[in-house]
C-alpha atoms as a PDB file:
ATOM      1  CA  MET A   1      -4.571  26.263  -3.685  1.00  0.00           C
ATOM      2  CA  ALA A   2      -6.866  24.260  -1.404  1.00  0.00           C
ATOM      3  CA  ARG A   3      -5.476  21.067   0.108  1.00  0.00           C
ATOM      4  CA  VAL A   4      -8.222  18.971   1.687  1.00  0.00           C
ATOM      5  CA  VAL A   5      -8.197  15.684   3.570  1.00  0.00           C
ATOM      6  CA  VAL A   6     -11.069  13.403   4.635  1.00  0.00           C
ATOM      7  CA  GLY A   7     -10.925   9.870   5.969  1.00  0.00           C
ATOM      8  CA  GLY A   8     -13.008   6.943   6.995  1.00  0.00           C
ATOM      9  CA  THR A   9     -13.686   3.243   6.826  1.00  0.00           C
ATOM     10  CA  PHE A  10     -16.665   3.825   4.515  1.00  0.00           C
ATOM     11  CA  GLU A  11     -17.956   0.365   5.457  1.00  0.00           C
ATOM     12  CA  CYS A  12     -21.454   0.875   4.011  1.00  0.00           C
ATOM     13  CA  LEU A  13     -21.128   3.963   1.813  1.00  0.00           C
ATOM     14  CA  HIS A  14     -24.222   5.665   3.254  1.00  0.00           C
ATOM     15  CA  ASP A  15     -25.745   9.130   2.888  1.00  0.00           C
ATOM     16  CA  GLY A  16     -23.720  10.475   5.821  1.00  0.00           C
ATOM     17  CA  HIS A  17     -20.452   9.394   4.186  1.00  0.00           C
ATOM     18  CA  LYS A  18     -21.638  10.886   0.915  1.00  0.00           C
ATOM     19  CA  GLU A  19     -22.161  14.300   2.570  1.00  0.00           C
ATOM     20  CA  LEU A  20     -18.591  14.180   3.943  1.00  0.00           C
ATOM     21  CA  ILE A  21     -17.149  13.331   0.532  1.00  0.00           C
ATOM     22  CA  LYS A  22     -19.258  15.979  -1.254  1.00  0.00           C
ATOM     23  CA  LYS A  23     -18.098  18.620   1.224  1.00  0.00           C
ATOM     24  CA  ALA A  24     -14.466  17.577   0.728  1.00  0.00           C
ATOM     25  CA  PHE A  25     -14.759  17.922  -3.066  1.00  0.00           C
ATOM     26  CA  GLU A  26     -16.533  21.284  -2.669  1.00  0.00           C
ATOM     27  CA  LEU A  27     -13.678  22.617  -0.481  1.00  0.00           C
ATOM     28  CA  ALA A  28     -10.981  21.200  -2.728  1.00  0.00           C
ATOM     29  CA  ASN A  29     -12.625  22.912  -5.713  1.00  0.00           C
ATOM     30  CA  GLY A  30     -10.653  20.913  -8.262  1.00  0.00           C
ATOM     31  CA  GLU A  31      -7.403  21.213  -6.309  1.00  0.00           C
ATOM     32  CA  GLU A  32      -5.798  18.635  -4.013  1.00  0.00           C
ATOM     33  CA  LEU A  33      -7.952  16.111  -2.132  1.00  0.00           C
ATOM     34  CA  ASP A  34      -6.615  13.167  -0.155  1.00  0.00           C
ATOM     35  CA  ILE A  35      -9.160  10.551   0.909  1.00  0.00           C
ATOM     36  CA  GLY A  36      -7.920   8.253   3.632  1.00  0.00           C
ATOM     37  CA  LEU A  37      -9.492   4.789   3.563  1.00  0.00           C
ATOM     38  CA  THR A  38      -8.804   2.567   6.553  1.00  0.00           C
ATOM     39  CA  SER A  39      -6.803  -0.578   5.889  1.00  0.00           C
ATOM     40  CA  ASN A  40      -8.294  -4.011   6.438  1.00  0.00           C
ATOM     41  CA  GLU A  41      -6.153  -4.421   9.532  1.00  0.00           C
ATOM     42  CA  MET A  42      -7.390  -1.165  11.062  1.00  0.00           C
ATOM     43  CA  ALA A  43     -11.028  -1.656   9.962  1.00  0.00           C
ATOM     44  CA  ASN A  44     -11.194  -5.150  11.427  1.00  0.00           C
ATOM     45  CA  LYS A  45     -10.352  -3.900  14.917  1.00  0.00           C
ATOM     46  CA  ARG A  46     -14.115  -3.289  14.994  1.00  0.00           C
ATOM     47  CA  PRO A  47     -16.297  -5.911  16.653  1.00  0.00           C
ATOM     48  CA  ARG A  48     -17.607  -7.071  13.241  1.00  0.00           C
ATOM     49  CA  GLN A  49     -16.238  -8.092   9.860  1.00  0.00           C
ATOM     50  CA  VAL A  50     -15.864  -5.089   7.564  1.00  0.00           C
ATOM     51  CA  PRO A  51     -15.841  -5.539   3.762  1.00  0.00           C
ATOM     52  CA  ASP A  52     -12.393  -5.844   2.145  1.00  0.00           C
ATOM     53  CA  TYR A  53     -10.405  -2.655   1.413  1.00  0.00           C
ATOM     54  CA  ASN A  54     -10.655  -3.148  -2.360  1.00  0.00           C
ATOM     55  CA  ILE A  55     -14.457  -3.536  -2.218  1.00  0.00           C
ATOM     56  CA  ARG A  56     -14.755  -0.345  -0.129  1.00  0.00           C
ATOM     57  CA  LYS A  57     -12.337   1.466  -2.448  1.00  0.00           C
ATOM     58  CA  LYS A  58     -14.321   0.461  -5.567  1.00  0.00           C
ATOM     59  CA  LYS A  59     -17.600   1.738  -4.038  1.00  0.00           C
ATOM     60  CA  LEU A  60     -15.864   5.011  -3.138  1.00  0.00           C
ATOM     61  CA  ILE A  61     -14.476   5.449  -6.658  1.00  0.00           C
ATOM     62  CA  ASP A  62     -17.855   4.611  -8.209  1.00  0.00           C
ATOM     63  CA  TYR A  63     -19.508   7.275  -6.027  1.00  0.00           C
ATOM     64  CA  ILE A  64     -16.827   9.868  -6.812  1.00  0.00           C
ATOM     65  CA  ASN A  65     -17.272   9.205 -10.527  1.00  0.00           C
ATOM     66  CA  GLU A  66     -20.978  10.020 -10.049  1.00  0.00           C
ATOM     67  CA  ILE A  67     -20.503  13.307  -8.191  1.00  0.00           C
ATOM     68  CA  ALA A  68     -17.121  14.615  -9.302  1.00  0.00           C
ATOM     69  CA  PRO A  69     -16.086  13.081 -12.631  1.00  0.00           C
ATOM     70  CA  GLY A  70     -12.622  14.190 -13.704  1.00  0.00           C
ATOM     71  CA  GLN A  71     -11.856  15.794 -10.341  1.00  0.00           C
ATOM     72  CA  ASN A  72      -8.389  15.418  -8.847  1.00  0.00           C
ATOM     73  CA  TYR A  73      -8.143  13.168  -5.762  1.00  0.00           C
ATOM     74  CA  THR A  74      -5.964  10.476  -4.214  1.00  0.00           C
ATOM     75  CA  ILE A  75      -7.115   7.527  -2.097  1.00  0.00           C
ATOM     76  CA  LEU A  76      -4.563   6.680   0.581  1.00  0.00           C
ATOM     77  CA  GLU A  77      -4.585   3.528   2.707  1.00  0.00           C
ATOM     78  CA  LEU A  78      -4.824   4.445   6.392  1.00  0.00           C
ATOM     79  CA  ASN A  79      -2.926   2.297   8.850  1.00  0.00           C
ATOM     80  CA  ASP A  80      -3.404   4.725  11.767  1.00  0.00           C
ATOM     81  CA  PRO A  81      -5.956   7.457  12.613  1.00  0.00           C
ATOM     82  CA  TYR A  82      -3.743  10.258  11.308  1.00  0.00           C
ATOM     83  CA  GLY A  83      -2.675   9.257   7.803  1.00  0.00           C
ATOM     84  CA  LYS A  84      -0.478  11.988   6.288  1.00  0.00           C
ATOM     85  CA  THR A  85      -1.890  14.783   8.464  1.00  0.00           C
ATOM     86  CA  LEU A  86       1.174  14.829  10.761  1.00  0.00           C
ATOM     87  CA  LYS A  87       3.606  15.110   7.821  1.00  0.00           C
ATOM     88  CA  LYS A  88       1.804  17.089   5.120  1.00  0.00           C
ATOM     89  CA  ASP A  89       0.175  20.510   5.180  1.00  0.00           C
ATOM     90  CA  TYR A  90      -3.567  20.675   4.516  1.00  0.00           C
ATOM     91  CA  ASP A  91      -5.940  23.630   4.548  1.00  0.00           C
ATOM     92  CA  TYR A  92      -9.023  21.664   5.603  1.00  0.00           C
ATOM     93  CA  ILE A  93      -9.862  18.381   7.286  1.00  0.00           C
ATOM     94  CA  VAL A  94     -13.488  17.266   6.809  1.00  0.00           C
ATOM     95  CA  VAL A  95     -14.951  15.294   9.724  1.00  0.00           C
ATOM     96  CA  SER A  96     -18.235  14.021  11.148  1.00  0.00           C
ATOM     97  CA  PRO A  97     -19.227  14.657  14.787  1.00  0.00           C
ATOM     98  CA  GLU A  98     -17.901  11.140  15.469  1.00  0.00           C
ATOM     99  CA  THR A  99     -14.443  11.866  14.048  1.00  0.00           C
ATOM    100  CA  TYR A 100     -14.226  15.497  15.259  1.00  0.00           C
ATOM    101  CA  PRO A 101     -12.136  14.497  18.347  1.00  0.00           C
ATOM    102  CA  VAL A 102      -9.557  12.872  16.041  1.00  0.00           C
ATOM    103  CA  ALA A 103      -9.214  16.182  14.147  1.00  0.00           C
ATOM    104  CA  LEU A 104      -8.631  18.013  17.442  1.00  0.00           C
ATOM    105  CA  LYS A 105      -5.963  15.441  18.376  1.00  0.00           C
ATOM    106  CA  ILE A 106      -4.328  15.858  14.968  1.00  0.00           C
ATOM    107  CA  ASN A 107      -4.170  19.603  15.447  1.00  0.00           C
ATOM    108  CA  ASN A 108      -2.725  19.218  18.976  1.00  0.00           C
ATOM    109  CA  LEU A 109      -0.002  16.913  17.601  1.00  0.00           C
ATOM    110  CA  ARG A 110       0.646  19.344  14.701  1.00  0.00           C
ATOM    111  CA  HIS A 111       0.937  22.231  17.168  1.00  0.00           C
ATOM    112  CA  GLU A 112       3.489  20.248  19.237  1.00  0.00           C
ATOM    113  CA  LYS A 113       5.510  19.744  16.036  1.00  0.00           C
ATOM    114  CA  ASN A 114       5.310  23.490  15.246  1.00  0.00           C
ATOM    115  CA  MET A 115       3.099  22.762  12.237  1.00  0.00           C
ATOM    116  CA  ARG A 116       0.225  24.951  11.121  1.00  0.00           C
ATOM    117  CA  VAL A 117      -3.136  23.682  12.398  1.00  0.00           C
ATOM    118  CA  ILE A 118      -5.648  22.490   9.856  1.00  0.00           C
ATOM    119  CA  ASP A 119      -9.078  24.161   9.616  1.00  0.00           C
ATOM    120  CA  VAL A 120     -11.618  21.602  10.808  1.00  0.00           C
ATOM    121  CA  VAL A 121     -14.833  21.444   8.775  1.00  0.00           C
ATOM    122  CA  ARG A 122     -17.457  19.509  10.702  1.00  0.00           C
ATOM    123  CA  VAL A 123     -20.291  18.000   8.659  1.00  0.00           C
ATOM    124  CA  GLU A 124     -23.247  17.176  10.875  1.00  0.00           C
ATOM    125  CA  PHE A 125     -24.751  13.706  10.934  1.00  0.00           C
ATOM    126  CA  VAL A 126     -27.320  12.899   8.288  1.00  0.00           C
ATOM    127  CA  LEU A 127     -30.387  11.717  10.129  1.00  0.00           C
ATOM    128  CA  ALA A 128     -32.425   8.634   9.372  1.00  0.00           C
ATOM    129  CA  ASP A 129     -36.242   8.690   9.214  1.00  0.00           C
ATOM    130  CA  ASP A 130     -36.310   8.193  13.033  1.00  0.00           C
ATOM    131  CA  GLU A 131     -34.179  11.356  13.525  1.00  0.00           C
ATOM    132  CA  LYS A 132     -31.175   9.334  14.741  1.00  0.00           C
ATOM    133  CA  PRO A 133     -27.851   9.462  12.835  1.00  0.00           C
ATOM    134  CA  ILE A 134     -27.322   7.151   9.874  1.00  0.00           C
ATOM    135  CA  SER A 135     -24.428   4.850  10.733  1.00  0.00           C
ATOM    136  CA  SER A 136     -22.812   1.699   9.333  1.00  0.00           C
ATOM    137  CA  THR A 137     -23.566  -0.024  12.669  1.00  0.00           C
ATOM    138  CA  ARG A 138     -27.298   0.628  12.297  1.00  0.00           C
ATOM    139  CA  ILE A 139     -27.198  -0.501   8.657  1.00  0.00           C
ATOM    140  CA  VAL A 140     -25.320  -3.724   9.457  1.00  0.00           C
ATOM    141  CA  GLN A 141     -27.754  -4.432  12.302  1.00  0.00           C
ATOM    142  CA  GLY A 142     -30.609  -4.128   9.827  1.00  0.00           C
ATOM    143  CA  GLU A 143     -32.306  -1.122  11.480  1.00  0.00           C
ATOM    144  CA  ILE A 144     -32.015   1.157   8.433  1.00  0.00           C
ATOM    145  CA  ASP A 145     -30.815   1.181   4.814  1.00  0.00           C
ATOM    146  CA  ILE A 146     -27.978   3.348   3.441  1.00  0.00           C
ATOM    147  CA  HIS A 147     -30.434   6.239   2.971  1.00  0.00           C
ATOM    148  CA  GLY A 148     -31.714   6.079   6.577  1.00  0.00           C
ATOM    149  CA  HIS A 149     -35.048   4.495   5.759  1.00  0.00           C
ATOM    150  CA  LEU A 150     -36.304   2.237   8.546  1.00  0.00           C
ATOM    151  CA  ARG A 151     -36.398  -1.432   7.736  1.00  0.00           C
ATOM    152  CA  SER A 152     -39.696  -3.097   8.577  1.00  0.00           C
ATOM    153  CA  HIS A 153     -39.289  -5.938  11.003  1.00  0.00           C
ATOM    154  CA  SER A 154     -42.075  -8.384  10.291  1.00  0.00           C
END
């Protein structure tokens, strides 16, 4: 049985996030998938206002219903970077290059607790039309849309 975990703020559910979520569902293969979604308190430690947790959760559920209708998953509110990964056994943790260091830290902490390390599955950045990574920061700043298309500045 595959137990998979993925997490994020999913501020602007963009094509990079969608690749992470798709990979997590692929690995879970109908088994157990926990999706950590950062709490409002944690998300708003960023230098900008992030949409409310319930808005981000609804967009996530809508997307999951598109790509994996009827699949088994749980959305967990994250109040720290680790979620349940220091208490529960998982087979895979799906991360982006940006969150890869967090996965390494999780595995170091698990090792210290004599827990089995989690296989880290790194999904590379999805690039925008300008060959730079798609990110919520770039979207919020108006550089690109959620698909990585450059916005024309007239």
